[in-house]
Amino acid sequence: MTTPDFSTCDLCDVHKDDSSGTFRVLSPMYRDFGPRRRFAGEVSTVKCFEDNSFVKAALDEPGRHRVLVVDGGGSLRRALVGGNLAAAAARNGWAGVVVHGCVRDVTELAQCEVGIRALAVMPLPTEKRNAGQRDVAVQLDGVWVRPGDWLYADEDGIVVMPQPD
């Protein structure tokens, strides 16, 4: 996959006067864990809490260059994505994964050709209860992200808008 040609700074310059709420910037709390620092794509979402069953199901599907946004409730107690799921994301054509929660297997994540952003690292895996929701609107630190939105992530941050720019 080729590296997308965009700059979140340029996108912010173009949309800085947008007061409609359609152009959104995620809080600067996400750390890079994958080798792709720059990724973009249509959003698919998972909402879950300390259970990555729905995350696994999503990443096992064809990604079609989409970005999976995982609302893990900001939990720092369990990792929602690890080496196996990152490898599945890369193998199945996902552009990236943004986790409002934790990841694990940092060395393995760095070897998977997919963008990965998360709040922190936690070695403890989740419990499998098959609990969660798929492709619903999620709110990450006060910012709404909806299925079908477009997410752009690079070295400067993450922005979300309703259609590709």
Protein backbone atom coordinates (compact mmCIF):
# COMPACT_ATOMS: atom_id res chain seq x y z
CA MET A 1 0.00 0.00 0.00
CA THR A 2 1.32 3.46 -0.85
CA THR A 3 1.66 6.18 1.75
CA PRO A 4 -1.28 8.58 1.53
CA ASP A 5 -0.40 12.10 0.39
CA PHE A 6 -1.89 14.52 2.93
CA SER A 7 -0.93 16.61 5.93
CA THR A 8 -3.18 16.97 8.96
CA CYS A 9 -1.71 20.47 9.41
CA ASP A 10 -2.76 21.39 5.87
CA LEU A 11 -6.23 19.91 6.48
CA CYS A 12 -6.51 21.97 9.68
CA ASP A 13 -5.43 25.12 7.81
CA VAL A 14 -8.16 24.57 5.22
CA HIS A 15 -10.86 23.77 7.81
CA LYS A 16 -9.77 25.99 10.74
CA ASP A 17 -12.86 28.20 10.46
CA ASP A 18 -15.30 25.27 10.29
CA SER A 19 -17.80 25.88 13.08
CA SER A 20 -20.25 23.23 11.90
CA GLY A 21 -18.55 20.39 13.80
CA THR A 22 -18.05 18.33 10.67
CA PHE A 23 -14.25 18.74 10.82
CA ARG A 24 -12.92 17.26 14.05
CA VAL A 25 -9.46 16.91 15.60
CA LEU A 26 -8.79 14.15 18.13
CA SER A 27 -7.01 15.09 21.35
CA PRO A 28 -3.22 14.72 21.19
CA MET A 29 -3.10 11.71 23.47
CA TYR A 30 -2.52 8.88 20.99
CA ARG A 31 0.89 7.24 20.62
CA ASP A 32 2.23 5.53 17.50
CA PHE A 33 2.83 1.78 17.72
CA GLY A 34 2.80 0.65 14.08
CA PRO A 35 5.41 1.29 11.40
CA ARG A 36 2.99 3.40 9.35
CA ARG A 37 3.05 6.89 10.80
CA ARG A 38 0.68 8.18 8.12
CA PHE A 39 -2.59 6.46 7.24
CA ALA A 40 -6.08 7.39 6.14
CA GLY A 41 -9.32 5.72 5.25
CA GLU A 42 -13.02 5.35 5.77
CA VAL A 43 -13.95 4.66 9.39
CA SER A 44 -15.47 1.50 10.81
CA THR A 45 -16.03 1.43 14.58
CA VAL A 46 -16.14 -0.95 17.52
CA LYS A 47 -17.35 0.05 20.97
CA CYS A 48 -16.27 -2.32 23.73
CA PHE A 49 -14.91 -2.37 27.26
CA GLU A 50 -12.06 -4.69 28.24
CA ASP A 51 -13.30 -7.31 25.74
CA ASN A 52 -11.79 -7.41 22.25
CA SER A 53 -14.12 -10.02 20.71
CA PHE A 54 -15.67 -7.47 18.33
CA VAL A 55 -12.24 -6.00 17.52
CA LYS A 56 -11.00 -9.44 16.46
CA ALA A 57 -14.12 -10.06 14.37
CA ALA A 58 -13.68 -6.72 12.58
CA LEU A 59 -9.96 -7.16 11.86
CA ASP A 60 -10.55 -10.69 10.56
CA GLU A 61 -12.73 -9.17 7.79
CA PRO A 62 -11.40 -7.54 4.61
CA GLY A 63 -10.34 -4.04 5.61
CA ARG A 64 -10.59 -2.44 2.15
CA HIS A 65 -8.10 0.25 3.31
CA ARG A 66 -10.44 1.38 6.10
CA VAL A 67 -9.48 2.54 9.59
CA LEU A 68 -10.92 0.72 12.60
CA VAL A 69 -11.65 3.12 15.46
CA VAL A 70 -12.00 1.24 18.74
CA ASP A 71 -13.73 2.99 21.64
CA GLY A 72 -12.42 1.01 24.58
CA GLY A 73 -13.73 3.57 27.05
CA GLY A 74 -10.18 4.79 27.65
CA SER A 75 -9.51 1.78 29.88
CA LEU A 76 -5.87 1.33 30.84
CA ARG A 77 -6.50 -2.07 32.48
CA ARG A 78 -6.62 -4.42 29.42
CA ALA A 79 -5.06 -4.42 25.94
CA LEU A 80 -7.59 -4.45 23.10
CA VAL A 81 -5.08 -5.01 20.27
CA GLY A 82 -1.93 -7.13 20.29
CA GLY A 83 0.43 -8.72 17.81
CA ASN A 84 -2.02 -11.29 16.44
CA LEU A 85 -4.76 -8.74 15.77
CA ALA A 86 -2.30 -6.26 14.24
CA ALA A 87 -1.02 -9.01 11.94
CA ALA A 88 -4.63 -9.79 10.95
CA ALA A 89 -5.25 -6.09 10.25
CA ALA A 90 -2.20 -5.91 7.98
CA ARG A 91 -2.97 -9.22 6.25
CA ASN A 92 -6.61 -8.21 5.63
CA GLY A 93 -5.89 -4.78 4.18
CA TRP A 94 -6.79 -2.38 6.99
CA ALA A 95 -5.06 1.01 6.71
CA GLY A 96 -4.97 1.57 10.45
CA VAL A 97 -6.37 1.03 13.91
CA VAL A 98 -6.99 3.78 16.47
CA VAL A 99 -7.62 2.46 19.98
CA HIS A 100 -9.09 4.61 22.76
CA GLY A 101 -7.50 2.17 25.18
CA CYS A 102 -4.39 0.00 25.30
CA VAL A 103 -2.33 -2.26 23.06
CA ARG A 104 0.29 -4.91 23.84
CA ASP A 105 3.08 -6.83 22.06
CA VAL A 106 4.79 -3.58 21.09
CA THR A 107 7.67 -5.31 19.26
CA GLU A 108 5.20 -7.29 17.14
CA LEU A 109 3.05 -4.22 16.44
CA ALA A 110 6.10 -2.42 15.05
CA GLN A 111 6.50 -5.18 12.45
CA CYS A 112 2.92 -5.15 11.11
CA GLU A 113 2.36 -3.00 8.01
CA VAL A 114 -0.56 -1.07 9.44
CA GLY A 115 -0.96 2.22 11.29
CA ILE A 116 -1.63 1.73 15.01
CA ARG A 117 -2.43 4.46 17.54
CA ALA A 118 -3.44 3.91 21.15
CA LEU A 119 -3.36 5.59 24.53
CA ALA A 120 -0.85 3.29 26.23
CA VAL A 121 0.66 -0.18 26.58
CA MET A 122 -0.73 -2.84 28.92
CA PRO A 123 0.48 -6.46 28.82
CA LEU A 124 -2.74 -7.89 30.28
CA PRO A 125 -5.12 -9.31 27.62
CA THR A 126 -8.88 -8.91 27.61
CA GLU A 127 -11.50 -11.37 28.75
CA LYS A 128 -13.61 -12.79 25.93
CA ARG A 129 -17.29 -12.20 26.68
CA ASN A 130 -18.43 -11.38 23.14
CA ALA A 131 -19.62 -7.99 24.41
CA GLY A 132 -19.56 -4.82 22.36
CA GLN A 133 -21.12 -2.98 19.43
CA ARG A 134 -20.08 -2.66 15.82
CA ASP A 135 -20.36 0.34 13.49
CA VAL A 136 -21.99 2.74 15.94
CA ALA A 137 -21.10 6.38 16.58
CA VAL A 138 -18.43 6.63 19.28
CA GLN A 139 -17.15 9.54 21.30
CA LEU A 140 -13.42 9.74 22.02
CA ASP A 141 -12.56 12.35 24.62
CA GLY A 142 -15.55 14.44 23.54
CA VAL A 143 -15.01 14.04 19.78
CA TRP A 144 -17.62 12.14 17.77
CA VAL A 145 -16.43 9.57 15.23
CA ARG A 146 -19.01 7.85 13.05
CA PRO A 147 -18.92 4.88 10.69
CA GLY A 148 -18.38 6.20 7.19
CA ASP A 149 -16.37 9.26 8.35
CA TRP A 150 -12.85 9.65 6.97
CA LEU A 151 -9.90 9.61 9.34
CA TYR A 152 -6.46 11.04 8.56
CA ALA A 153 -3.52 10.33 10.88
CA ASP A 154 0.06 11.51 10.50
CA GLU A 155 2.99 12.64 12.64
CA ASP A 156 1.10 15.78 13.70
CA GLY A 157 -2.21 14.29 14.79
CA ILE A 158 -5.52 12.75 13.83
CA VAL A 159 -8.43 14.50 12.09
CA VAL A 160 -11.88 13.24 11.15
CA MET A 161 -14.32 14.55 8.54
CA PRO A 162 -17.50 13.26 6.89
CA GLN A 163 -16.00 12.65 3.43
CA PRO A 164 -12.57 12.27 1.86
CA ASP A 165 -10.66 15.49 1.32
